[in-house]
Amino acid sequence: MHRDDYPALSALGFEDDELKELGLWEVAVGSPAELAEMYVRRSKKKDSLSALREQVRRMCARAKDHNKRIRRVWFEQVSASKSYVRREEFEKATEAVVGSGLSKALYVYKTSRLSRRGMGQVGLLLDNFEDQGAYIFVVAEGLDSRTSRTVLGFLSEQARDQVKDLGEFVKLGMDAHKAEGKWTGGVTPYGLRAVKGEGRLEHNPAEYPTARRIAEFLLDRKTPHWIAATLNAEGLKTRHGKNWQATGIIALAHAVTWAGLVAQRERILDENKQWHGKYHRGGVPMLDKNGEPISCGEGVITFAEHVKIKSILASRAQKNGPVGDRSRGKREISNLLTGIMNCGRCGAKEVSSGPAYRCFARTNEGVHVCEGVSIGRGPVEETVTQAWFAHILSLSPDSATLHEIARKWLAYKDPEKEARKAQVTAALESAVSREMKLNKEFFVLGRMTEEMFDSMRVQVAAQIASLKAELADLSREADLSPLMDPEALAALWNGAGIAGQRALLRAALTGKGIVLKPSKGRGHRVPPMDRLEFHWREASDPETDAALETGMKLADKTRERNS
């Protein structure tokens, strides 16, 4: 009968004959005072197994010198330096001693293998062992916790300091590699692979065609659910041979590295502001000193496509849902007024339900909440379209509403420009901050020479001037001419699609939107316009009321053309 730890020992590369020589072949029996636990850990998978086997041999030799038999070898691959990482095998080893009382000793090879979290953790552990009349023996340093507790505490604190220094050097190295546009390791996005030894990404021939299809589907405003269903219907699998899921498509869409750029991701902190090793998904591109995204190789999509895809997903993201705006999209919208028109009885949103708009509260919560208000989709959408045309054409050229519509429309149609504007603004703020610090170092603290100050000041000033010029170019006033001409306005509306038409309509309305007033009773028919109450951002110009008739005629022509 094999020991319980035989699979772990075999995985470490021990042959059966050597296990017999080490006393790890037969099941260990005896009183708890005659038995001991052994704990073996490696931080990374790439650590040498031969070194681990040598550690086991030396611990077995020392246990034999102490007339102890190893009851079980507990092995795991996990870092001991991170407070949020749970070491399950270590917990089982200590439980066998202080909990179950199966043995009275725990052997580890080195203090750093025991823990790198300092005396705060090790001290509590030693207290528990002492209460049970048990001890810990560290083989490399020859330390017995019963007689060398102070030294063991000192070494555990030293191990903690070492891991802090190591973490700082690792972070420094990774930041330097990122700044140089190098891939720092980890799982590559679907469709890409890391070029061994070169620190950059390239297309993966086996995955790239499918990855590019996914990107084109997203750019074509297909939902992640539809894309996953389509790929699964074709029998295509993920990198790990599993079916595609909408969540996986969304993760790709938000990944900056899918565009071949270096990602800068925000850490997820708990309620105590402590990091638990997780990052927010996607991240933002890391920028160079000129405010440009840093490339780390080839991408499945361009940065402009990345920004556009994120904008498409955000436009139909479920607010306050279980996974938030960044993770799950919903079906492509097919109606104009959902979220814009409100119930005239309770104020709840009117939502599309079959051929009509109905009160959301009435539909989902019952008549006891609201009697509800409903209206046919076709007639009310035609009426709202006519009213929008009439209102926009009635506004004066200096109208703040026209400028707001133009701004929102450009943000909708050209999201990469808006994203670039945000990047330039952030880069400009950073450059101005550096300039202030530079002045402080020279004028206040006197920590640099005049030559060094002049050289650095010229560089920072040139960067600030360049960023200001680009920001001014990106912030130019939008062209309002399409909103002044009836034919151009019709072309703008017809080419926008439902999502774009919603954006145009929202830009002209206040937060109150459109209110649908109740009818006088079942079967009582009145023109939809008589039941609608519009809350425009800006009143029409009294001198241009004739635009109403023009708008009505233009909408009629548009409807006839579309039919």
Protein backbone atom coordinates (compact mmCIF):
# COMPACT_ATOMS: atom_id res chain seq x y z
CA MET A 1 0.00 0.00 0.00
CA HIS A 2 1.44 3.37 -1.04
CA ARG A 3 1.77 6.31 1.30
CA ASP A 4 -0.59 9.27 0.90
CA ASP A 5 2.32 11.44 -0.24
CA TYR A 6 3.55 8.97 -2.90
CA PRO A 7 2.08 10.97 -5.84
CA ALA A 8 3.84 14.15 -4.69
CA LEU A 9 7.14 12.35 -4.18
CA SER A 10 6.88 10.75 -7.62
CA ALA A 11 6.15 14.16 -9.13
CA LEU A 12 9.37 15.43 -7.54
CA GLY A 13 11.23 12.73 -9.49
CA PHE A 14 12.04 10.19 -6.76
CA GLU A 15 12.49 6.58 -7.78
CA ASP A 16 10.99 3.83 -5.63
CA ASP A 17 14.40 2.49 -4.60
CA GLU A 18 15.51 5.88 -3.30
CA LEU A 19 12.25 6.33 -1.39
CA LYS A 20 12.97 3.06 0.38
CA GLU A 21 16.47 4.27 1.29
CA LEU A 22 15.06 7.55 2.65
CA GLY A 23 12.40 5.81 4.71
CA LEU A 24 9.60 7.32 2.62
CA TRP A 25 8.30 4.09 1.13
CA GLU A 26 6.35 2.42 3.88
CA VAL A 27 3.56 4.08 5.84
CA ALA A 28 5.07 5.60 8.98
CA VAL A 29 3.66 4.27 12.24
CA GLY A 30 4.41 5.12 15.85
CA SER A 31 3.44 7.55 18.59
CA PRO A 32 3.17 11.29 17.77
CA ALA A 33 6.49 11.88 19.56
CA GLU A 34 8.18 9.50 17.11
CA LEU A 35 6.68 11.06 13.97
CA ALA A 36 7.23 14.33 12.11
CA GLU A 37 5.77 16.27 9.17
CA MET A 38 7.90 17.61 6.32
CA TYR A 39 7.03 20.70 4.30
CA VAL A 40 8.56 21.40 0.87
CA ARG A 41 7.76 24.50 -1.15
CA ARG A 42 8.89 26.12 -4.33
CA SER A 43 7.85 29.60 -5.38
CA LYS A 44 7.83 29.10 -9.14
CA LYS A 45 7.36 26.16 -11.43
CA LYS A 46 10.70 26.86 -13.11
CA ASP A 47 12.59 26.22 -9.86
CA SER A 48 14.78 23.14 -10.15
CA LEU A 49 13.28 19.82 -9.01
CA SER A 50 16.76 18.46 -8.36
CA ALA A 51 17.26 21.14 -5.70
CA LEU A 52 13.95 20.17 -4.08
CA ARG A 53 14.94 16.50 -4.03
CA GLU A 54 18.22 17.42 -2.33
CA GLN A 55 16.29 19.37 0.29
CA VAL A 56 14.12 16.32 0.99
CA ARG A 57 17.22 14.10 1.31
CA ARG A 58 18.86 16.43 3.84
CA MET A 59 15.68 16.81 5.88
CA CYS A 60 15.24 13.04 5.96
CA ALA A 61 18.86 12.63 7.15
CA ARG A 62 18.36 15.16 9.96
CA ALA A 63 15.06 13.55 10.99
CA LYS A 64 16.82 10.18 11.14
CA ASP A 65 19.49 11.71 13.40
CA HIS A 66 16.65 12.81 15.71
CA ASN A 67 15.08 9.34 15.66
CA LYS A 68 12.05 10.69 13.83
CA ARG A 69 10.09 9.06 11.03
CA ILE A 70 8.50 11.31 8.39
CA ARG A 71 4.77 10.69 8.55
CA ARG A 72 4.04 12.70 5.42
CA VAL A 73 5.76 15.06 2.98
CA TRP A 74 3.61 18.10 2.18
CA PHE A 75 4.55 19.74 -1.11
CA GLU A 76 3.15 22.78 -2.88
CA GLN A 77 4.12 25.40 -5.42
CA VAL A 78 3.15 28.82 -4.09
CA SER A 79 4.75 32.09 -3.01
CA ALA A 80 5.08 32.69 0.72
CA SER A 81 5.66 36.42 0.44
CA LYS A 82 2.14 37.50 -0.44
CA SER A 83 -0.24 37.83 2.48
CA TYR A 84 -3.29 37.14 0.32
CA VAL A 85 -1.98 33.78 -0.96
CA ARG A 86 -3.29 30.81 0.96
CA ARG A 87 -0.80 27.97 1.45
CA GLU A 88 -3.15 25.04 1.79
CA GLU A 89 -0.51 22.30 2.11
CA PHE A 90 1.33 24.28 4.79
CA GLU A 91 -1.93 24.68 6.70
CA LYS A 92 -2.51 20.92 6.49
CA ALA A 93 1.02 20.23 7.74
CA THR A 94 0.62 22.49 10.78
CA GLU A 95 -2.90 21.15 11.40
CA ALA A 96 -1.47 17.63 11.59
CA VAL A 97 0.75 18.83 14.44
CA VAL A 98 -1.21 21.43 16.42
CA GLY A 99 -4.73 20.32 15.46
CA SER A 100 -4.90 16.57 15.01
CA GLY A 101 -1.81 15.81 17.09
CA LEU A 102 -0.60 13.18 14.63
CA SER A 103 3.02 14.19 15.14
CA LYS A 104 5.12 16.52 17.29
CA ALA A 105 7.55 18.09 14.80
CA LEU A 106 7.62 19.95 11.50
CA TYR A 107 10.75 19.93 9.34
CA VAL A 108 11.45 22.65 6.78
CA TYR A 109 14.63 23.23 4.84
CA LYS A 110 15.12 26.96 5.37
CA THR A 111 13.46 29.81 7.22
CA SER A 112 12.54 31.49 3.93
CA ARG A 113 10.78 28.27 2.88
CA LEU A 114 8.76 28.45 6.10
CA SER A 115 7.57 32.01 5.57
CA ARG A 116 8.70 35.36 4.18
CA ARG A 117 6.10 37.34 6.07
CA GLY A 118 8.14 38.03 9.17
CA MET A 119 7.87 37.36 12.87
CA GLY A 120 4.24 38.43 12.90
CA GLN A 121 3.25 35.15 11.30
CA VAL A 122 6.10 32.95 12.52
CA GLY A 123 5.66 34.05 16.14
CA LEU A 124 2.01 32.98 16.23
CA LEU A 125 2.94 29.69 14.63
CA LEU A 126 5.63 29.02 17.23
CA ASP A 127 3.16 29.83 20.03
CA ASN A 128 0.75 27.22 18.70
CA PHE A 129 3.49 24.59 18.44
CA GLU A 130 4.74 25.38 21.94
CA ASP A 131 1.24 24.97 23.38
CA GLN A 132 1.12 21.45 21.92
CA GLY A 133 4.62 20.50 23.08
CA ALA A 134 5.76 20.41 19.44
CA TYR A 135 8.54 22.20 17.60
CA ILE A 136 9.78 23.32 14.18
CA PHE A 137 13.24 22.36 12.94
CA VAL A 138 14.95 24.37 10.18
CA VAL A 139 17.57 22.14 8.61
CA ALA A 140 19.76 24.60 6.66
CA GLU A 141 20.30 26.87 9.67
CA GLY A 142 20.16 24.02 12.20
CA LEU A 143 17.52 25.84 14.28
CA ASP A 144 15.22 24.16 16.80
CA SER A 145 12.31 26.43 17.76
CA ARG A 146 12.45 25.15 21.34
CA THR A 147 15.93 26.61 21.87
CA SER A 148 16.43 29.15 19.06
CA ARG A 149 13.19 31.10 18.91
CA THR A 150 14.91 34.50 18.97
CA VAL A 151 17.27 33.60 16.12
CA LEU A 152 14.39 32.10 14.15
CA GLY A 153 12.44 35.33 14.58
CA PHE A 154 15.40 37.40 13.44
CA LEU A 155 15.88 35.27 10.31
CA SER A 156 12.17 35.42 9.48
CA GLU A 157 12.30 39.23 9.62
CA GLN A 158 15.42 39.14 7.44
CA ALA A 159 13.56 36.97 4.93
CA ARG A 160 10.73 39.50 4.96
CA ASP A 161 13.13 42.36 4.18
CA GLN A 162 14.67 40.34 1.38
CA VAL A 163 11.33 39.80 -0.31
CA LYS A 164 10.56 43.52 -0.09
CA ASP A 165 13.84 44.32 -1.82
CA LEU A 166 13.23 41.57 -4.35
CA GLY A 167 9.76 42.91 -5.08
CA GLU A 168 11.10 46.42 -5.63
CA PHE A 169 13.79 45.19 -8.00
CA VAL A 170 11.30 43.02 -9.90
CA LYS A 171 8.87 45.92 -10.25
CA LEU A 172 11.68 48.23 -11.32
CA GLY A 173 12.77 45.74 -13.94
CA MET A 174 9.24 45.21 -15.24
CA ASP A 175 8.58 48.94 -15.42
CA ALA A 176 11.82 49.40 -17.34
CA HIS A 177 10.91 46.63 -19.79
CA LYS A 178 7.45 48.10 -20.29
CA ALA A 179 8.89 51.54 -20.95
CA GLU A 180 11.11 49.96 -23.60
CA GLY A 181 8.11 48.27 -25.22
CA LYS A 182 8.93 44.73 -24.12
CA TRP A 183 6.45 41.99 -23.31
CA THR A 184 6.91 41.21 -19.62
CA GLY A 185 5.40 37.75 -19.66
CA GLY A 186 2.12 36.14 -18.76
CA VAL A 187 -0.73 34.79 -20.85
CA THR A 188 -0.82 36.36 -24.30
CA PRO A 189 -4.16 37.47 -25.77
CA TYR A 190 -5.87 35.09 -28.19
CA GLY A 191 -4.38 35.49 -31.65
CA LEU A 192 -0.93 36.52 -30.43
CA ARG A 193 2.17 34.80 -29.07
CA ALA A 194 5.41 35.92 -27.47
CA VAL A 195 8.59 35.72 -29.52
CA LYS A 196 10.98 33.75 -27.35
CA GLY A 197 14.00 35.76 -26.31
CA GLU A 198 12.88 38.97 -28.03
CA GLY A 199 10.32 40.34 -25.59
CA ARG A 200 7.68 41.21 -28.16
CA LEU A 201 4.35 39.91 -29.49
CA GLU A 202 3.60 38.53 -32.93
CA HIS A 203 0.63 36.98 -34.70
CA ASN A 204 -0.06 33.35 -33.84
CA PRO A 205 -0.79 31.68 -37.21
CA ALA A 206 -3.07 29.10 -35.59
CA GLU A 207 -5.23 31.69 -33.83
CA TYR A 208 -4.91 34.96 -35.70
CA PRO A 209 -7.54 34.33 -38.42
CA THR A 210 -10.23 33.59 -35.84
CA ALA A 211 -9.07 36.45 -33.62
CA ARG A 212 -9.31 38.89 -36.53
CA ARG A 213 -12.81 37.62 -37.34
CA ILE A 214 -13.81 38.32 -33.73
CA ALA A 215 -12.45 41.85 -34.05
CA GLU A 216 -14.34 42.47 -37.29
CA PHE A 217 -17.55 41.14 -35.73
CA LEU A 218 -17.11 43.55 -32.81
CA LEU A 219 -16.45 46.47 -35.15
CA ASP A 220 -19.62 45.48 -37.02
CA ARG A 221 -21.53 45.95 -33.72
CA LYS A 222 -22.24 42.25 -33.25
CA THR A 223 -22.85 41.34 -29.62
CA PRO A 224 -20.34 39.13 -27.76
CA HIS A 225 -23.11 36.56 -27.22
CA TRP A 226 -23.79 36.40 -30.97
CA ILE A 227 -20.08 36.10 -31.75
CA ALA A 228 -19.59 33.25 -29.27
CA ALA A 229 -22.65 31.41 -30.61
CA THR A 230 -21.42 31.82 -34.19
CA LEU A 231 -17.94 30.48 -33.43
CA ASN A 232 -19.34 27.55 -31.46
CA ALA A 233 -21.76 26.70 -34.29
CA GLU A 234 -18.77 26.50 -36.62
CA GLY A 235 -17.01 24.12 -34.21
CA LEU A 236 -14.23 26.58 -33.38
CA LYS A 237 -12.68 26.29 -29.93
CA THR A 238 -10.68 28.51 -27.63
CA ARG A 239 -6.96 28.11 -27.05
CA HIS A 240 -7.75 25.56 -24.33
CA GLY A 241 -10.17 23.56 -26.45
CA LYS A 242 -13.33 24.89 -24.82
CA ASN A 243 -16.43 26.55 -26.23
CA TRP A 244 -16.42 30.29 -26.65
CA GLN A 245 -18.28 32.43 -24.14
CA ALA A 246 -19.43 36.03 -24.29
CA THR A 247 -17.30 36.87 -21.25
CA GLY A 248 -14.19 35.71 -23.07
CA ILE A 249 -15.03 37.86 -26.09
CA ILE A 250 -15.54 40.86 -23.81
CA ALA A 251 -12.21 40.26 -22.06
CA LEU A 252 -10.46 40.32 -25.45
CA ALA A 253 -12.26 43.51 -26.44
CA HIS A 254 -11.04 45.30 -23.33
CA ALA A 255 -7.46 43.98 -23.44
CA VAL A 256 -4.99 46.71 -24.42
CA THR A 257 -2.45 44.01 -25.27
CA TRP A 258 -4.82 42.68 -27.97
CA ALA A 259 -3.87 45.87 -29.81
CA GLY A 260 -0.16 45.10 -29.31
CA LEU A 261 0.30 47.81 -26.68
CA VAL A 262 1.89 47.78 -23.24
CA ALA A 263 -0.87 47.77 -20.63
CA GLN A 264 -0.96 49.76 -17.43
CA ARG A 265 -3.60 48.22 -15.17
CA GLU A 266 -5.03 49.44 -11.91
CA ARG A 267 -4.72 47.25 -8.83
CA ILE A 268 -7.87 46.03 -7.11
CA LEU A 269 -7.72 46.99 -3.43
CA ASP A 270 -9.83 45.58 -0.60
CA GLU A 271 -11.69 47.59 2.03
CA ASN A 272 -8.40 48.07 3.88
CA LYS A 273 -6.66 49.43 0.77
CA GLN A 274 -4.57 46.26 0.53
CA TRP A 275 -3.69 44.66 -2.79
CA HIS A 276 -4.62 40.99 -3.21
CA GLY A 277 -2.77 40.36 -6.43
CA LYS A 278 -5.63 41.18 -8.81
CA TYR A 279 -5.95 43.91 -11.38
CA HIS A 280 -8.87 45.57 -13.08
CA ARG A 281 -9.49 44.07 -16.47
CA GLY A 282 -8.26 45.72 -19.65
CA GLY A 283 -6.27 48.64 -18.32
CA VAL A 284 -5.06 51.60 -20.34
CA PRO A 285 -2.08 51.91 -22.68
CA MET A 286 1.19 52.96 -21.08
CA LEU A 287 2.37 56.22 -22.60
CA ASP A 288 5.87 57.32 -23.47
CA LYS A 289 7.33 60.75 -22.62
CA ASN A 290 5.59 62.20 -25.67
CA GLY A 291 2.20 60.91 -24.60
CA GLU A 292 2.10 58.17 -27.24
CA PRO A 293 0.98 54.56 -26.50
CA ILE A 294 3.94 52.19 -26.22
CA SER A 295 3.88 49.21 -28.59
CA CYS A 296 5.15 45.77 -27.57
CA GLY A 297 4.80 44.12 -30.97
CA GLU A 298 2.04 43.15 -33.36
CA GLY A 299 -1.62 43.33 -32.40
CA VAL A 300 -4.79 41.72 -33.66
CA ILE A 301 -6.38 45.19 -33.83
CA THR A 302 -5.11 48.75 -34.05
CA PHE A 303 -5.39 51.18 -31.17
CA ALA A 304 -8.10 53.10 -33.03
CA GLU A 305 -10.10 49.87 -33.44
CA HIS A 306 -9.59 49.09 -29.75
CA VAL A 307 -11.07 52.45 -28.75
CA LYS A 308 -13.99 52.05 -31.16
CA ILE A 309 -14.81 48.53 -29.91
CA LYS A 310 -14.81 49.70 -26.29
CA SER A 311 -17.10 52.57 -27.25
CA ILE A 312 -19.53 50.18 -28.98
CA LEU A 313 -19.67 47.88 -25.95
CA ALA A 314 -20.09 50.80 -23.55
CA SER A 315 -22.96 52.19 -25.61
CA ARG A 316 -25.05 49.13 -24.85
CA ALA A 317 -23.60 48.07 -21.50
CA GLN A 318 -26.00 47.22 -18.71
CA LYS A 319 -25.79 49.88 -16.05
CA ASN A 320 -25.49 48.66 -12.46
CA GLY A 321 -25.50 45.06 -13.62
CA PRO A 322 -23.72 42.19 -11.85
CA VAL A 323 -20.55 42.66 -13.88
CA GLY A 324 -20.67 46.36 -14.69
CA ASP A 325 -20.17 48.34 -17.85
CA ARG A 326 -16.78 46.82 -18.76
CA SER A 327 -17.76 43.21 -19.01
CA ARG A 328 -21.09 42.34 -20.51
CA GLY A 329 -22.99 43.74 -23.42
CA LYS A 330 -26.66 43.27 -24.23
CA ARG A 331 -28.54 42.74 -27.48
CA GLU A 332 -28.20 45.34 -30.20
CA ILE A 333 -30.89 47.98 -29.70
CA SER A 334 -33.71 48.02 -32.25
CA ASN A 335 -36.00 50.78 -30.94
CA LEU A 336 -35.56 54.51 -30.65
CA LEU A 337 -37.21 55.62 -27.42
CA THR A 338 -36.32 53.08 -24.72
CA GLY A 339 -34.65 55.00 -21.90
CA ILE A 340 -35.75 58.34 -23.37
CA MET A 341 -39.55 58.29 -23.05
CA ASN A 342 -41.10 58.15 -19.57
CA CYS A 343 -44.46 57.04 -18.22
CA GLY A 344 -46.83 59.97 -17.59
CA ARG A 345 -48.30 58.26 -14.53
CA CYS A 346 -45.34 57.08 -12.43
CA GLY A 347 -42.30 58.50 -14.24
CA ALA A 348 -40.77 55.09 -14.95
CA LYS A 349 -39.09 54.41 -18.28
CA GLU A 350 -41.14 53.27 -21.24
CA VAL A 351 -39.64 50.14 -22.78
CA SER A 352 -40.27 48.34 -26.04
CA SER A 353 -42.61 45.39 -25.63
CA GLY A 354 -43.65 43.82 -28.91
CA PRO A 355 -45.34 46.40 -31.16
CA ALA A 356 -45.73 48.99 -28.40
CA TYR A 357 -43.94 50.96 -25.71
CA ARG A 358 -45.16 50.10 -22.23
CA CYS A 359 -44.41 51.29 -18.70
CA PHE A 360 -41.53 49.31 -17.22
CA ALA A 361 -42.97 49.45 -13.69
CA ARG A 362 -46.38 48.21 -14.87
CA THR A 363 -44.85 45.36 -16.86
CA ASN A 364 -42.43 44.14 -14.19
CA GLU A 365 -44.03 45.08 -10.90
CA GLY A 366 -47.75 44.90 -11.59
CA VAL A 367 -50.80 47.15 -11.75
CA HIS A 368 -50.62 47.91 -8.05
CA VAL A 369 -47.51 50.02 -8.76
CA CYS A 370 -48.75 51.81 -11.88
CA GLU A 371 -51.76 51.51 -14.16
CA GLY A 372 -49.33 51.99 -17.03
CA VAL A 373 -49.25 53.99 -20.24
CA SER A 374 -48.67 52.46 -23.66
CA ILE A 375 -48.49 53.57 -27.29
CA GLY A 376 -47.70 51.94 -30.64
CA ARG A 377 -44.02 51.94 -31.58
CA GLY A 378 -44.35 52.95 -35.22
CA PRO A 379 -46.53 56.06 -34.83
CA VAL A 380 -44.68 57.46 -31.80
CA GLU A 381 -41.23 56.97 -33.33
CA GLU A 382 -42.33 58.75 -36.52
CA THR A 383 -43.76 61.61 -34.46
CA VAL A 384 -40.62 61.99 -32.35
CA THR A 385 -38.47 61.98 -35.49
CA GLN A 386 -40.57 64.79 -36.99
CA ALA A 387 -40.41 66.78 -33.75
CA TRP A 388 -36.61 66.39 -33.56
CA PHE A 389 -36.14 67.62 -37.15
CA ALA A 390 -38.42 70.58 -36.52
CA HIS A 391 -36.72 71.53 -33.27
CA ILE A 392 -33.15 71.34 -34.59
CA LEU A 393 -33.98 73.37 -37.71
CA SER A 394 -35.67 76.02 -35.57
CA LEU A 395 -32.58 76.73 -33.47
CA SER A 396 -30.35 79.71 -34.17
CA PRO A 397 -26.75 79.14 -35.36
CA ASP A 398 -25.44 80.29 -31.96
CA SER A 399 -27.52 77.70 -30.12
CA ALA A 400 -25.74 75.92 -27.27
CA THR A 401 -27.86 72.86 -28.09
CA LEU A 402 -26.40 72.65 -31.58
CA HIS A 403 -22.87 72.75 -30.20
CA GLU A 404 -23.75 70.07 -27.63
CA ILE A 405 -25.24 67.85 -30.33
CA ALA A 406 -22.17 68.35 -32.51
CA ARG A 407 -19.83 67.52 -29.62
CA LYS A 408 -21.72 64.37 -28.60
CA TRP A 409 -22.10 63.26 -32.17
CA LEU A 410 -18.39 63.53 -32.85
CA ALA A 411 -17.67 61.62 -29.63
CA TYR A 412 -20.02 58.89 -30.84
CA LYS A 413 -18.73 58.74 -34.40
CA ASP A 414 -15.03 59.30 -33.64
CA PRO A 415 -14.31 57.75 -30.21
CA GLU A 416 -10.60 57.32 -30.90
CA LYS A 417 -10.29 61.10 -31.27
CA GLU A 418 -11.97 61.62 -27.90
CA ALA A 419 -9.74 58.98 -26.34
CA ARG A 420 -6.65 60.64 -27.81
CA LYS A 421 -7.84 63.97 -26.43
CA ALA A 422 -8.05 62.43 -22.95
CA GLN A 423 -4.54 60.99 -23.35
CA VAL A 424 -3.08 64.30 -24.45
CA THR A 425 -4.77 66.08 -21.56
CA ALA A 426 -3.30 63.59 -19.07
CA ALA A 427 0.14 63.84 -20.66
CA LEU A 428 -0.04 67.65 -20.53
CA GLU A 429 -0.95 67.61 -16.86
CA SER A 430 1.98 65.27 -16.17
CA ALA A 431 4.40 67.50 -18.09
CA VAL A 432 3.26 70.63 -16.25
CA SER A 433 3.71 68.80 -12.96
CA ARG A 434 7.26 67.83 -13.93
CA GLU A 435 7.98 71.44 -14.85
CA MET A 436 6.84 72.59 -11.41
CA LYS A 437 9.01 69.99 -9.69
CA LEU A 438 11.95 71.00 -11.85
CA ASN A 439 11.60 74.64 -10.82
CA LYS A 440 11.39 73.61 -7.18
CA GLU A 441 14.54 71.52 -7.42
CA PHE A 442 16.49 74.44 -8.93
CA PHE A 443 15.08 77.61 -7.40
CA VAL A 444 14.00 76.38 -3.95
CA LEU A 445 16.15 73.39 -3.07
CA GLY A 446 19.19 74.14 -5.24
CA ARG A 447 19.81 70.47 -6.01
CA MET A 448 20.93 70.86 -9.63
CA THR A 449 23.30 72.95 -11.68
CA GLU A 450 22.15 75.72 -13.97
CA GLU A 451 23.30 73.79 -17.05
CA MET A 452 21.30 70.72 -16.06
CA PHE A 453 18.26 72.87 -15.24
CA ASP A 454 18.38 74.67 -18.58
CA SER A 455 18.72 71.42 -20.50
CA MET A 456 15.81 69.73 -18.75
CA ARG A 457 13.66 72.88 -18.83
CA VAL A 458 14.02 73.14 -22.61
CA GLN A 459 12.95 69.52 -23.05
CA VAL A 460 9.92 69.84 -20.79
CA ALA A 461 8.91 73.17 -22.35
CA ALA A 462 9.09 71.67 -25.84
CA GLN A 463 6.93 68.75 -24.76
CA ILE A 464 4.36 71.08 -23.17
CA ALA A 465 4.21 73.22 -26.32
CA SER A 466 3.74 70.16 -28.52
CA LEU A 467 0.97 68.75 -26.33
CA LYS A 468 -0.81 72.12 -26.16
CA ALA A 469 -0.77 72.42 -29.95
CA GLU A 470 -2.19 68.91 -30.38
CA LEU A 471 -4.85 69.52 -27.75
CA ALA A 472 -5.89 72.74 -29.47
CA ASP A 473 -6.19 70.89 -32.76
CA LEU A 474 -8.29 68.14 -31.14
CA SER A 475 -10.50 70.73 -29.43
CA ARG A 476 -11.50 72.66 -32.53
CA GLU A 477 -15.15 73.62 -32.74
CA ALA A 478 -17.27 71.05 -34.51
CA ASP A 479 -18.67 71.74 -37.98
CA LEU A 480 -22.33 72.71 -37.46
CA SER A 481 -23.26 72.97 -41.13
CA PRO A 482 -24.97 69.53 -41.28
CA LEU A 483 -27.31 70.70 -38.54
CA MET A 484 -28.35 73.81 -40.48
CA ASP A 485 -29.26 72.29 -43.82
CA PRO A 486 -32.41 70.10 -44.05
CA GLU A 487 -30.96 67.65 -46.57
CA ALA A 488 -27.66 67.30 -44.68
CA LEU A 489 -29.56 66.85 -41.44
CA ALA A 490 -31.65 64.08 -43.00
CA ALA A 491 -28.51 62.34 -44.25
CA LEU A 492 -26.98 62.60 -40.79
CA TRP A 493 -30.06 61.08 -39.13
CA ASN A 494 -30.55 58.28 -41.66
CA GLY A 495 -26.91 57.24 -41.54
CA ALA A 496 -26.69 57.18 -37.78
CA GLY A 497 -28.47 53.89 -37.07
CA ILE A 498 -30.71 53.43 -34.05
CA ALA A 499 -27.90 53.90 -31.51
CA GLY A 500 -26.73 57.06 -33.24
CA GLN A 501 -30.27 58.43 -33.49
CA ARG A 502 -30.65 57.89 -29.76
CA ALA A 503 -27.45 59.86 -29.19
CA LEU A 504 -28.70 62.71 -31.37
CA LEU A 505 -32.08 62.73 -29.64
CA ARG A 506 -30.60 62.67 -26.13
CA ALA A 507 -28.29 65.56 -26.97
CA ALA A 508 -31.33 67.75 -27.71
CA LEU A 509 -33.32 66.77 -24.61
CA THR A 510 -32.92 67.50 -20.91
CA GLY A 511 -32.77 64.73 -18.32
CA LYS A 512 -36.57 64.64 -18.23
CA GLY A 513 -36.62 63.42 -21.82
CA ILE A 514 -40.08 62.84 -23.31
CA VAL A 515 -43.17 62.20 -21.19
CA LEU A 516 -45.97 60.00 -22.59
CA LYS A 517 -49.27 61.22 -21.17
CA PRO A 518 -52.12 58.75 -20.54
CA SER A 519 -54.96 58.54 -23.04
CA LYS A 520 -58.48 59.42 -21.99
CA GLY A 521 -59.54 55.80 -22.15
CA ARG A 522 -59.38 52.53 -24.11
CA GLY A 523 -60.16 53.08 -27.76
CA HIS A 524 -59.81 56.85 -27.54
CA ARG A 525 -57.58 57.77 -30.46
CA VAL A 526 -55.68 61.04 -30.68
CA PRO A 527 -52.57 62.02 -32.68
CA PRO A 528 -49.40 60.84 -30.87
CA MET A 529 -48.12 64.43 -30.76
CA ASP A 530 -51.00 65.36 -28.44
CA ARG A 531 -49.80 62.76 -25.90
CA LEU A 532 -46.12 63.71 -25.96
CA GLU A 533 -44.44 66.30 -23.76
CA PHE A 534 -40.95 67.23 -24.94
CA HIS A 535 -38.35 68.68 -22.57
CA TRP A 536 -35.89 70.28 -25.00
CA ARG A 537 -32.60 71.71 -23.79
CA GLU A 538 -33.38 74.99 -25.47
CA ALA A 539 -36.58 76.60 -26.70
CA SER A 540 -37.08 77.21 -30.39
CA ASP A 541 -36.41 80.61 -31.90
CA PRO A 542 -39.85 82.33 -32.29
CA GLU A 543 -38.75 83.85 -35.59
CA THR A 544 -38.13 80.44 -37.14
CA ASP A 545 -41.40 78.65 -36.40
CA ALA A 546 -41.72 77.97 -40.10
CA ALA A 547 -39.04 75.31 -39.56
CA LEU A 548 -41.68 73.12 -37.96
CA GLU A 549 -43.48 72.70 -41.29
CA THR A 550 -40.16 72.12 -43.05
CA GLY A 551 -39.22 69.49 -40.51
CA MET A 552 -42.55 67.69 -40.88
CA LYS A 553 -42.25 67.59 -44.68
CA LEU A 554 -38.62 66.43 -44.50
CA ALA A 555 -39.50 63.63 -42.09
CA ASP A 556 -42.34 62.54 -44.39
CA LYS A 557 -39.95 62.39 -47.36
CA THR A 558 -37.45 60.44 -45.27
CA ARG A 559 -40.11 57.93 -44.25
CA GLU A 560 -41.28 57.49 -47.86
CA ARG A 561 -37.68 56.97 -49.01
CA ASN A 562 -37.01 54.33 -46.34
CA SER A 563 -40.24 52.47 -47.08
